[in-house]
Amino acid sequence: MKIYLNLLPEERKNKIKRKKLVRLIMGQWIRLFFVVLIFISTLLSFNFVLKMQLGALEITRSLEESREEFQKISQYEETFKKTNKQIAFISNIQAGHFYWSEILSKLERAVSDEISITGLTAENNQILLTGKAKTRDDLVKFKNIINNTDCFNSAEVPVSNFIAKENIDFQMDIELSENCLKN
């Protein structure tokens, strides 16, 4: 067994104890400082990662919103295309549509009491009239009126219709002006 003799004065012993205590406290503070430093660096790294993920999510959200806007724009463009096709279809129909009311009203004004129309056939820009005229002169007068009207280009009656003098069954081919048919 060993015996230790403590020959140091009391003051010196207290000084050594305080030194040990200060070293112990300083060691604890240094360890605590490193633990706090590691904790703060961990928090900063989490903060950095979370900021990067937040930025990626914002980019994704903006892309999603722009995709939705793109889809809306695509829907609008599709609607416009359909509407334009319908308008083009209607325009084609209207371009080929003939307005017969003006032609028929001018034809009605040209017909006198001596002429009766029994048939009217229209094809493209021609009309085939069949009817009866009381006299040959009435038929010639009717033909001249038709030829002098601005909506009719020419009226042709076969010579065989002029053989009889009275109660003439006639047939007349009338070529129409496209301007009158389109307006």
N, C-alpha and C. Protein backbone atom coordinates (compact mmCIF):
# COMPACT_ATOMS: atom_id res chain seq x y z
N MET A 1 0.79 -1.16 0.00
CA MET A 1 0.00 0.00 0.00
C MET A 1 0.85 1.25 0.00
N LYS A 2 0.43 2.13 -0.71
CA LYS A 2 1.20 3.35 -0.84
C LYS A 2 0.53 4.43 -0.02
N ILE A 3 1.30 5.20 0.48
CA ILE A 3 0.77 6.30 1.28
C ILE A 3 1.20 7.59 0.58
N TYR A 4 0.23 8.43 0.46
CA TYR A 4 0.50 9.73 -0.17
C TYR A 4 0.45 10.79 0.90
N LEU A 5 1.41 11.60 0.87
CA LEU A 5 1.47 12.69 1.83
C LEU A 5 1.16 13.97 1.07
N ASN A 6 0.29 14.64 1.58
CA ASN A 6 -0.11 15.90 0.97
C ASN A 6 0.52 17.01 1.79
N LEU A 7 1.58 17.53 1.32
CA LEU A 7 2.32 18.51 2.06
C LEU A 7 2.04 19.92 1.55
N LEU A 8 1.19 20.02 0.65
CA LEU A 8 0.89 21.33 0.07
C LEU A 8 0.03 22.13 1.05
N PRO A 9 0.26 23.41 1.04
CA PRO A 9 -0.59 24.22 1.91
C PRO A 9 -2.02 24.24 1.38
N GLU A 10 -2.90 24.57 2.21
CA GLU A 10 -4.33 24.54 1.95
C GLU A 10 -4.68 25.52 0.81
N GLU A 11 -4.10 26.58 0.79
CA GLU A 11 -4.36 27.60 -0.22
C GLU A 11 -3.99 27.07 -1.61
N ARG A 12 -2.86 26.37 -1.61
CA ARG A 12 -2.39 25.83 -2.87
C ARG A 12 -3.31 24.69 -3.32
N LYS A 13 -3.77 23.92 -2.36
CA LYS A 13 -4.70 22.83 -2.69
C LYS A 13 -5.97 23.40 -3.30
N ASN A 14 -6.49 24.47 -2.72
CA ASN A 14 -7.72 25.10 -3.25
C ASN A 14 -7.48 25.65 -4.65
N LYS A 15 -6.29 26.18 -4.83
CA LYS A 15 -5.95 26.73 -6.14
C LYS A 15 -5.92 25.61 -7.19
N ILE A 16 -5.38 24.50 -6.85
CA ILE A 16 -5.31 23.36 -7.76
C ILE A 16 -6.72 22.83 -8.04
N LYS A 17 -7.53 22.76 -6.98
CA LYS A 17 -8.91 22.30 -7.16
C LYS A 17 -9.67 23.24 -8.09
N ARG A 18 -9.49 24.52 -7.90
CA ARG A 18 -10.17 25.49 -8.77
C ARG A 18 -9.68 25.37 -10.21
N LYS A 19 -8.38 25.14 -10.35
CA LYS A 19 -7.83 24.96 -11.70
C LYS A 19 -8.45 23.74 -12.38
N LYS A 20 -8.55 22.64 -11.62
CA LYS A 20 -9.16 21.44 -12.16
C LYS A 20 -10.62 21.70 -12.50
N LEU A 21 -11.29 22.41 -11.62
CA LEU A 21 -12.71 22.72 -11.84
C LEU A 21 -12.88 23.61 -13.07
N VAL A 22 -11.99 24.59 -13.23
CA VAL A 22 -12.06 25.47 -14.40
C VAL A 22 -11.79 24.66 -15.67
N ARG A 23 -10.80 23.76 -15.63
CA ARG A 23 -10.52 22.91 -16.78
C ARG A 23 -11.71 22.03 -17.11
N LEU A 24 -12.33 21.49 -16.08
CA LEU A 24 -13.51 20.64 -16.28
C LEU A 24 -14.65 21.45 -16.90
N ILE A 25 -14.88 22.61 -16.36
CA ILE A 25 -15.97 23.48 -16.90
C ILE A 25 -15.63 23.90 -18.32
N MET A 26 -14.36 24.28 -18.57
CA MET A 26 -13.96 24.69 -19.91
C MET A 26 -14.10 23.51 -20.88
N GLY A 27 -13.75 22.35 -20.46
CA GLY A 27 -13.90 21.16 -21.31
C GLY A 27 -15.37 20.90 -21.63
N GLN A 28 -16.22 21.07 -20.63
CA GLN A 28 -17.65 20.89 -20.85
C GLN A 28 -18.19 21.95 -21.83
N TRP A 29 -17.74 23.18 -21.65
CA TRP A 29 -18.19 24.26 -22.55
C TRP A 29 -17.70 24.00 -23.98
N ILE A 30 -16.49 23.55 -24.11
CA ILE A 30 -15.96 23.27 -25.44
C ILE A 30 -16.75 22.13 -26.09
N ARG A 31 -17.04 21.07 -25.34
CA ARG A 31 -17.85 19.97 -25.87
C ARG A 31 -19.23 20.46 -26.24
N LEU A 32 -19.83 21.28 -25.35
CA LEU A 32 -21.15 21.84 -25.63
C LEU A 32 -21.11 22.72 -26.87
N PHE A 33 -20.04 23.51 -27.00
CA PHE A 33 -19.89 24.38 -28.17
C PHE A 33 -19.83 23.53 -29.45
N PHE A 34 -19.07 22.45 -29.45
CA PHE A 34 -18.99 21.58 -30.63
C PHE A 34 -20.32 20.90 -30.93
N VAL A 35 -21.03 20.50 -29.88
CA VAL A 35 -22.35 19.89 -30.10
C VAL A 35 -23.30 20.91 -30.71
N VAL A 36 -23.29 22.14 -30.17
CA VAL A 36 -24.15 23.20 -30.70
C VAL A 36 -23.72 23.54 -32.12
N LEU A 37 -22.40 23.57 -32.37
CA LEU A 37 -21.90 23.86 -33.71
C LEU A 37 -22.36 22.78 -34.70
N ILE A 38 -22.28 21.54 -34.31
CA ILE A 38 -22.75 20.44 -35.17
C ILE A 38 -24.26 20.56 -35.38
N PHE A 39 -25.00 20.90 -34.35
CA PHE A 39 -26.46 21.05 -34.45
C PHE A 39 -26.82 22.20 -35.40
N ILE A 40 -26.13 23.32 -35.25
CA ILE A 40 -26.40 24.48 -36.12
C ILE A 40 -26.02 24.15 -37.56
N SER A 41 -24.88 23.48 -37.76
CA SER A 41 -24.51 23.13 -39.13
C SER A 41 -25.52 22.14 -39.73
N THR A 42 -26.04 21.23 -38.91
CA THR A 42 -27.09 20.31 -39.39
C THR A 42 -28.34 21.10 -39.77
N LEU A 43 -28.73 22.04 -38.92
CA LEU A 43 -29.91 22.87 -39.24
C LEU A 43 -29.69 23.69 -40.51
N LEU A 44 -28.51 24.26 -40.67
CA LEU A 44 -28.22 25.04 -41.88
C LEU A 44 -28.25 24.16 -43.13
N SER A 45 -27.71 22.95 -43.01
CA SER A 45 -27.76 22.06 -44.17
C SER A 45 -29.20 21.66 -44.49
N PHE A 46 -30.02 21.39 -43.44
CA PHE A 46 -31.45 21.10 -43.68
C PHE A 46 -32.13 22.30 -44.33
N ASN A 47 -31.81 23.50 -43.84
CA ASN A 47 -32.39 24.72 -44.40
C ASN A 47 -32.01 24.85 -45.88
N PHE A 48 -30.75 24.58 -46.20
CA PHE A 48 -30.30 24.65 -47.59
C PHE A 48 -31.04 23.64 -48.47
N VAL A 49 -31.14 22.41 -48.00
CA VAL A 49 -31.84 21.36 -48.75
C VAL A 49 -33.31 21.73 -48.93
N LEU A 50 -33.94 22.23 -47.85
CA LEU A 50 -35.36 22.60 -47.94
C LEU A 50 -35.57 23.77 -48.90
N LYS A 51 -34.65 24.73 -48.90
CA LYS A 51 -34.77 25.84 -49.85
C LYS A 51 -34.65 25.34 -51.29
N MET A 52 -33.73 24.41 -51.49
CA MET A 52 -33.59 23.86 -52.85
C MET A 52 -34.86 23.11 -53.26
N GLN A 53 -35.42 22.34 -52.36
CA GLN A 53 -36.65 21.61 -52.67
C GLN A 53 -37.81 22.58 -52.88
N LEU A 54 -37.86 23.65 -52.06
CA LEU A 54 -38.90 24.66 -52.25
C LEU A 54 -38.77 25.32 -53.63
N GLY A 55 -37.54 25.63 -54.03
CA GLY A 55 -37.32 26.20 -55.36
C GLY A 55 -37.77 25.24 -56.45
N ALA A 56 -37.45 23.95 -56.29
CA ALA A 56 -37.86 22.95 -57.28
C ALA A 56 -39.38 22.84 -57.32
N LEU A 57 -40.02 22.89 -56.15
CA LEU A 57 -41.49 22.82 -56.11
C LEU A 57 -42.12 24.05 -56.76
N GLU A 58 -41.52 25.22 -56.53
CA GLU A 58 -42.05 26.43 -57.16
C GLU A 58 -41.91 26.36 -58.67
N ILE A 59 -40.78 25.84 -59.14
CA ILE A 59 -40.59 25.68 -60.58
C ILE A 59 -41.61 24.69 -61.14
N THR A 60 -41.82 23.60 -60.41
CA THR A 60 -42.80 22.59 -60.84
C THR A 60 -44.20 23.20 -60.88
N ARG A 61 -44.53 23.98 -59.84
CA ARG A 61 -45.85 24.61 -59.80
C ARG A 61 -46.03 25.60 -60.94
N SER A 62 -44.98 26.39 -61.20
CA SER A 62 -45.09 27.35 -62.30
C SER A 62 -45.21 26.62 -63.64
N LEU A 63 -44.48 25.49 -63.78
CA LEU A 63 -44.63 24.70 -65.01
C LEU A 63 -46.02 24.12 -65.12
N GLU A 64 -46.57 23.68 -63.99
CA GLU A 64 -47.94 23.13 -63.98
C GLU A 64 -48.94 24.22 -64.37
N GLU A 65 -48.76 25.42 -63.79
CA GLU A 65 -49.66 26.52 -64.13
C GLU A 65 -49.52 26.89 -65.60
N SER A 66 -48.26 26.93 -66.09
CA SER A 66 -48.08 27.27 -67.49
C SER A 66 -48.63 26.18 -68.39
N ARG A 67 -48.56 24.92 -67.94
CA ARG A 67 -49.14 23.83 -68.72
C ARG A 67 -50.66 23.98 -68.76
N GLU A 68 -51.27 24.35 -67.62
CA GLU A 68 -52.71 24.57 -67.60
C GLU A 68 -53.08 25.72 -68.52
N GLU A 69 -52.27 26.79 -68.49
CA GLU A 69 -52.52 27.92 -69.39
C GLU A 69 -52.34 27.48 -70.83
N PHE A 70 -51.32 26.67 -71.07
CA PHE A 70 -51.10 26.16 -72.43
C PHE A 70 -52.29 25.31 -72.87
N GLN A 71 -52.82 24.49 -71.95
CA GLN A 71 -54.00 23.69 -72.29
C GLN A 71 -55.19 24.58 -72.60
N LYS A 72 -55.37 25.65 -71.80
CA LYS A 72 -56.47 26.59 -72.07
C LYS A 72 -56.28 27.24 -73.44
N ILE A 73 -55.05 27.66 -73.70
CA ILE A 73 -54.77 28.29 -75.00
C ILE A 73 -55.01 27.29 -76.12
N SER A 74 -54.60 26.04 -75.91
CA SER A 74 -54.84 25.00 -76.92
C SER A 74 -56.33 24.78 -77.14
N GLN A 75 -57.10 24.80 -76.05
CA GLN A 75 -58.56 24.65 -76.18
C GLN A 75 -59.13 25.83 -76.95
N TYR A 76 -58.67 27.05 -76.64
CA TYR A 76 -59.15 28.22 -77.38
C TYR A 76 -58.79 28.12 -78.85
N GLU A 77 -57.55 27.69 -79.13
CA GLU A 77 -57.14 27.55 -80.53
C GLU A 77 -57.99 26.51 -81.25
N GLU A 78 -58.28 25.40 -80.56
CA GLU A 78 -59.13 24.35 -81.15
C GLU A 78 -60.53 24.89 -81.42
N THR A 79 -61.05 25.66 -80.46
CA THR A 79 -62.38 26.27 -80.64
C THR A 79 -62.36 27.23 -81.82
N PHE A 80 -61.29 28.04 -81.93
CA PHE A 80 -61.18 28.97 -83.04
C PHE A 80 -61.11 28.23 -84.37
N LYS A 81 -60.34 27.13 -84.40
CA LYS A 81 -60.23 26.35 -85.64
C LYS A 81 -61.59 25.80 -86.04
N LYS A 82 -62.34 25.26 -85.07
CA LYS A 82 -63.66 24.71 -85.38
C LYS A 82 -64.59 25.81 -85.88
N THR A 83 -64.54 26.95 -85.19
CA THR A 83 -65.40 28.08 -85.60
C THR A 83 -65.02 28.55 -86.99
N ASN A 84 -63.72 28.65 -87.27
CA ASN A 84 -63.28 29.08 -88.59
C ASN A 84 -63.70 28.09 -89.68
N LYS A 85 -63.64 26.79 -89.36
CA LYS A 85 -64.10 25.79 -90.33
C LYS A 85 -65.59 25.95 -90.60
N GLN A 86 -66.36 26.18 -89.53
CA GLN A 86 -67.80 26.37 -89.71
C GLN A 86 -68.07 27.62 -90.53
N ILE A 87 -67.34 28.69 -90.24
CA ILE A 87 -67.53 29.93 -90.99
C ILE A 87 -67.16 29.72 -92.45
N ALA A 88 -66.05 29.01 -92.70
CA ALA A 88 -65.65 28.74 -94.08
C ALA A 88 -66.70 27.89 -94.79
N PHE A 89 -67.25 26.90 -94.08
CA PHE A 89 -68.29 26.06 -94.65
C PHE A 89 -69.53 26.89 -95.00
N ILE A 90 -69.94 27.75 -94.08
CA ILE A 90 -71.11 28.61 -94.31
C ILE A 90 -70.82 29.59 -95.46
N SER A 91 -69.59 30.12 -95.50
CA SER A 91 -69.22 31.04 -96.59
C SER A 91 -69.27 30.34 -97.94
N ASN A 92 -68.81 29.07 -97.97
CA ASN A 92 -68.88 28.31 -99.23
C ASN A 92 -70.33 28.08 -99.64
N ILE A 93 -71.16 27.80 -98.67
CA ILE A 93 -72.59 27.61 -98.99
C ILE A 93 -73.18 28.91 -99.51
N GLN A 94 -72.85 30.01 -98.83
CA GLN A 94 -73.40 31.30 -99.25
C GLN A 94 -72.83 31.73 -100.60
N ALA A 95 -71.57 31.39 -100.88
CA ALA A 95 -70.98 31.76 -102.17
C ALA A 95 -71.69 31.04 -103.31
N GLY A 96 -72.13 29.82 -103.08
CA GLY A 96 -72.82 29.06 -104.12
C GLY A 96 -74.32 29.25 -104.10
N HIS A 97 -74.81 30.04 -103.15
CA HIS A 97 -76.26 30.24 -103.03
C HIS A 97 -76.73 31.33 -104.00
N PHE A 98 -77.80 31.05 -104.70
CA PHE A 98 -78.38 32.03 -105.62
C PHE A 98 -79.61 32.64 -104.97
N TYR A 99 -79.76 33.95 -105.17
CA TYR A 99 -80.92 34.68 -104.65
C TYR A 99 -81.94 34.81 -105.79
N TRP A 100 -82.94 33.97 -105.73
CA TRP A 100 -83.92 33.87 -106.82
C TRP A 100 -85.03 34.91 -106.70
N SER A 101 -85.19 35.54 -105.56
CA SER A 101 -86.33 36.44 -105.37
C SER A 101 -86.31 37.60 -106.37
N GLU A 102 -85.13 38.20 -106.58
CA GLU A 102 -85.04 39.32 -107.53
C GLU A 102 -85.35 38.86 -108.95
N ILE A 103 -84.83 37.69 -109.31
CA ILE A 103 -85.07 37.15 -110.66
C ILE A 103 -86.56 36.88 -110.86
N LEU A 104 -87.17 36.24 -109.87
CA LEU A 104 -88.59 35.89 -110.01
C LEU A 104 -89.48 37.13 -110.03
N SER A 105 -89.11 38.14 -109.25
CA SER A 105 -89.93 39.36 -109.27
C SER A 105 -89.81 40.08 -110.62
N LYS A 106 -88.61 40.09 -111.22
CA LYS A 106 -88.45 40.71 -112.55
C LYS A 106 -89.17 39.89 -113.61
N LEU A 107 -89.13 38.58 -113.46
CA LEU A 107 -89.85 37.72 -114.39
C LEU A 107 -91.35 37.95 -114.27
N GLU A 108 -91.82 38.12 -113.06
CA GLU A 108 -93.25 38.37 -112.84
C GLU A 108 -93.67 39.70 -113.48
N ARG A 109 -92.83 40.73 -113.38
CA ARG A 109 -93.15 42.03 -113.99
C ARG A 109 -93.18 41.94 -115.52
N ALA A 110 -92.34 41.02 -116.06
CA ALA A 110 -92.28 40.88 -117.52
C ALA A 110 -93.48 40.13 -118.08
N VAL A 111 -94.11 39.29 -117.27
CA VAL A 111 -95.24 38.48 -117.75
C VAL A 111 -96.49 39.36 -117.80
N SER A 112 -97.14 39.35 -118.98
CA SER A 112 -98.38 40.12 -119.14
C SER A 112 -99.58 39.19 -119.03
N ASP A 113 -100.77 39.72 -119.18
CA ASP A 113 -102.00 38.92 -119.09
C ASP A 113 -102.13 37.95 -120.26
N GLU A 114 -101.48 38.25 -121.37
CA GLU A 114 -101.58 37.40 -122.54
C GLU A 114 -100.66 36.18 -122.46
N ILE A 115 -99.74 36.18 -121.49
CA ILE A 115 -98.78 35.08 -121.33
C ILE A 115 -99.10 34.36 -120.02
N SER A 116 -99.14 33.04 -120.09
CA SER A 116 -99.28 32.25 -118.86
C SER A 116 -98.13 31.25 -118.81
N ILE A 117 -97.49 31.19 -117.64
CA ILE A 117 -96.34 30.29 -117.48
C ILE A 117 -96.86 29.03 -116.80
N THR A 118 -96.58 27.90 -117.43
CA THR A 118 -97.03 26.62 -116.88
C THR A 118 -95.91 25.84 -116.21
N GLY A 119 -94.66 26.18 -116.52
CA GLY A 119 -93.55 25.46 -115.91
C GLY A 119 -92.30 26.32 -115.85
N LEU A 120 -91.55 26.12 -114.80
CA LEU A 120 -90.31 26.87 -114.62
C LEU A 120 -89.29 25.89 -114.03
N THR A 121 -88.19 25.73 -114.75
CA THR A 121 -87.11 24.86 -114.28
C THR A 121 -85.84 25.69 -114.24
N ALA A 122 -85.20 25.68 -113.07
CA ALA A 122 -83.97 26.47 -112.90
C ALA A 122 -82.81 25.52 -112.67
N GLU A 123 -81.72 25.80 -113.38
CA GLU A 123 -80.50 25.01 -113.20
C GLU A 123 -79.32 25.95 -113.41
N ASN A 124 -78.45 26.01 -112.38
CA ASN A 124 -77.29 26.90 -112.37
C ASN A 124 -77.73 28.32 -112.67
N ASN A 125 -77.30 28.89 -113.77
CA ASN A 125 -77.71 30.26 -114.09
C ASN A 125 -78.57 30.29 -115.35
N GLN A 126 -79.45 29.30 -115.50
CA GLN A 126 -80.39 29.27 -116.62
C GLN A 126 -81.78 28.89 -116.10
N ILE A 127 -82.78 29.43 -116.79
CA ILE A 127 -84.18 29.09 -116.50
C ILE A 127 -84.81 28.58 -117.79
N LEU A 128 -85.57 27.52 -117.68
CA LEU A 128 -86.35 27.00 -118.81
C LEU A 128 -87.81 27.26 -118.48
N LEU A 129 -88.44 28.13 -119.28
CA LEU A 129 -89.85 28.46 -119.08
C LEU A 129 -90.69 27.72 -120.11
N THR A 130 -91.82 27.21 -119.67
CA THR A 130 -92.82 26.68 -120.59
C THR A 130 -94.12 27.39 -120.27
N GLY A 131 -94.90 27.62 -121.29
CA GLY A 131 -96.16 28.32 -121.07
C GLY A 131 -96.97 28.45 -122.33
N LYS A 132 -97.99 29.32 -122.24
CA LYS A 132 -98.89 29.58 -123.38
C LYS A 132 -98.94 31.07 -123.63
N ALA A 133 -98.93 31.41 -124.91
CA ALA A 133 -99.10 32.80 -125.31
C ALA A 133 -100.35 32.88 -126.17
N LYS A 134 -101.11 33.97 -126.02
CA LYS A 134 -102.35 34.08 -126.81
C LYS A 134 -102.04 34.26 -128.29
N THR A 135 -101.05 35.09 -128.60
CA THR A 135 -100.69 35.31 -130.01
C THR A 135 -99.18 35.30 -130.16
N ARG A 136 -98.78 35.23 -131.43
CA ARG A 136 -97.35 35.23 -131.75
C ARG A 136 -96.73 36.57 -131.35
N ASP A 137 -97.44 37.66 -131.55
CA ASP A 137 -96.93 38.98 -131.20
C ASP A 137 -96.71 39.11 -129.69
N ASP A 138 -97.61 38.50 -128.89
CA ASP A 138 -97.44 38.53 -127.44
C ASP A 138 -96.16 37.79 -127.02
N LEU A 139 -95.88 36.68 -127.70
CA LEU A 139 -94.67 35.91 -127.40
C LEU A 139 -93.42 36.70 -127.79
N VAL A 140 -93.44 37.38 -128.93
CA VAL A 140 -92.29 38.19 -129.36
C VAL A 140 -92.09 39.35 -128.39
N LYS A 141 -93.20 39.99 -127.99
CA LYS A 141 -93.11 41.11 -127.05
C LYS A 141 -92.52 40.62 -125.71
N PHE A 142 -92.96 39.47 -125.23
CA PHE A 142 -92.47 38.89 -123.98
C PHE A 142 -90.96 38.59 -124.10
N LYS A 143 -90.56 38.04 -125.24
CA LYS A 143 -89.15 37.74 -125.47
C LYS A 143 -88.32 39.02 -125.47
N ASN A 144 -88.80 40.08 -126.09
CA ASN A 144 -88.08 41.35 -126.13
C ASN A 144 -87.97 41.98 -124.73
N ILE A 145 -89.05 41.88 -123.96
CA ILE A 145 -89.01 42.42 -122.59
C ILE A 145 -87.95 41.67 -121.77
N ILE A 146 -87.92 40.35 -121.92
CA ILE A 146 -86.94 39.55 -121.19
C ILE A 146 -85.52 39.93 -121.63
N ASN A 147 -85.30 40.10 -122.94
CA ASN A 147 -83.96 40.45 -123.43
C ASN A 147 -83.53 41.84 -122.97
N ASN A 148 -84.46 42.75 -122.75
CA ASN A 148 -84.14 44.12 -122.34
C ASN A 148 -84.03 44.28 -120.82
N THR A 149 -84.37 43.27 -120.06
CA THR A 149 -84.25 43.35 -118.61
C THR A 149 -82.81 43.06 -118.21
N ASP A 150 -82.31 43.85 -117.23
CA ASP A 150 -80.88 43.78 -116.91
C ASP A 150 -80.45 42.47 -116.23
N CYS A 151 -81.33 41.74 -115.58
CA CYS A 151 -80.94 40.49 -114.90
C CYS A 151 -80.89 39.30 -115.86
N PHE A 152 -81.46 39.46 -117.07
CA PHE A 152 -81.48 38.37 -118.03
C PHE A 152 -80.51 38.69 -119.16
N ASN A 153 -79.58 37.79 -119.42
CA ASN A 153 -78.60 38.04 -120.48
C ASN A 153 -79.20 37.79 -121.86
N SER A 154 -79.85 36.67 -122.03
CA SER A 154 -80.47 36.39 -123.34
C SER A 154 -81.63 35.42 -123.14
N ALA A 155 -82.61 35.57 -124.01
CA ALA A 155 -83.75 34.66 -124.02
C ALA A 155 -83.85 34.08 -125.42
N GLU A 156 -83.96 32.75 -125.50
CA GLU A 156 -84.04 32.10 -126.80
C GLU A 156 -85.30 31.25 -126.86
N VAL A 157 -86.01 31.42 -127.95
CA VAL A 157 -87.23 30.65 -128.19
C VAL A 157 -87.02 29.88 -129.49
N PRO A 158 -87.26 28.56 -129.48
CA PRO A 158 -87.10 27.80 -130.72
C PRO A 158 -88.04 28.33 -131.82
N VAL A 159 -87.59 28.28 -133.05
CA VAL A 159 -88.37 28.77 -134.18
C VAL A 159 -89.68 27.99 -134.32
N SER A 160 -89.68 26.75 -133.90
CA SER A 160 -90.90 25.93 -134.02
C SER A 160 -92.04 26.48 -133.18
N ASN A 161 -91.75 27.33 -132.18
CA ASN A 161 -92.81 27.92 -131.35
C ASN A 161 -93.55 29.04 -132.09
N PHE A 162 -92.98 29.57 -133.16
CA PHE A 162 -93.59 30.68 -133.89
C PHE A 162 -94.45 30.22 -135.07
N ILE A 163 -94.63 28.92 -135.23
CA ILE A 163 -95.39 28.42 -136.38
C ILE A 163 -96.86 28.77 -136.23
N ALA A 164 -97.43 28.51 -135.09
CA ALA A 164 -98.85 28.82 -134.88
C ALA A 164 -99.01 30.31 -134.65
N LYS A 165 -100.23 30.83 -135.00
CA LYS A 165 -100.49 32.25 -134.86
C LYS A 165 -101.14 32.57 -133.53
N GLU A 166 -101.97 31.67 -133.00
CA GLU A 166 -102.67 31.90 -131.74
C GLU A 166 -102.57 30.65 -130.86
N ASN A 167 -102.76 30.86 -129.51
CA ASN A 167 -102.66 29.78 -128.52
C ASN A 167 -101.38 28.97 -128.72
N ILE A 168 -100.28 29.66 -128.52
CA ILE A 168 -98.97 29.06 -128.78
C ILE A 168 -98.43 28.45 -127.49
N ASP A 169 -98.09 27.18 -127.55
CA ASP A 169 -97.33 26.54 -126.48
C ASP A 169 -95.86 26.84 -126.75
N PHE A 170 -95.21 27.52 -125.81
CA PHE A 170 -93.82 27.91 -126.06
C PHE A 170 -92.88 27.36 -124.99
N GLN A 171 -91.65 27.39 -125.38
CA GLN A 171 -90.56 27.00 -124.48
C GLN A 171 -89.48 28.05 -124.66
N MET A 172 -88.94 28.59 -123.53
CA MET A 172 -87.96 29.67 -123.61
C MET A 172 -86.79 29.36 -122.66
N ASP A 173 -85.59 29.45 -123.23
CA ASP A 173 -84.37 29.32 -122.42
C ASP A 173 -83.86 30.71 -122.11
N ILE A 174 -83.72 31.01 -120.82
CA ILE A 174 -83.26 32.34 -120.40
C ILE A 174 -81.95 32.16 -119.64
N GLU A 175 -80.93 32.88 -120.08
CA GLU A 175 -79.66 32.87 -119.35
C GLU A 175 -79.66 34.05 -118.39
N LEU A 176 -79.31 33.76 -117.15
CA LEU A 176 -79.38 34.79 -116.09
C LEU A 176 -78.03 35.43 -115.85
N SER A 177 -78.07 36.66 -115.40
CA SER A 177 -76.84 37.38 -115.03
C SER A 177 -76.41 36.92 -113.64
N GLU A 178 -75.11 36.62 -113.49
CA GLU A 178 -74.62 36.12 -112.19
C GLU A 178 -74.71 37.20 -111.13
N ASN A 179 -74.60 38.47 -111.53
CA ASN A 179 -74.68 39.55 -110.55
C ASN A 179 -76.04 39.56 -109.87
N CYS A 180 -77.08 39.33 -110.62
CA CYS A 180 -78.42 39.32 -110.02
C CYS A 180 -78.62 38.09 -109.14
N LEU A 181 -78.01 36.97 -109.53
CA LEU A 181 -78.16 35.77 -108.72
C LEU A 181 -77.38 35.85 -107.41
N LYS A 182 -76.26 36.55 -107.41
CA LYS A 182 -75.42 36.62 -106.20
C LYS A 182 -75.86 37.70 -105.23
N ASN A 183 -76.59 38.67 -105.71
CA ASN A 183 -76.98 39.79 -104.83
C ASN A 183 -78.43 39.72 -104.44
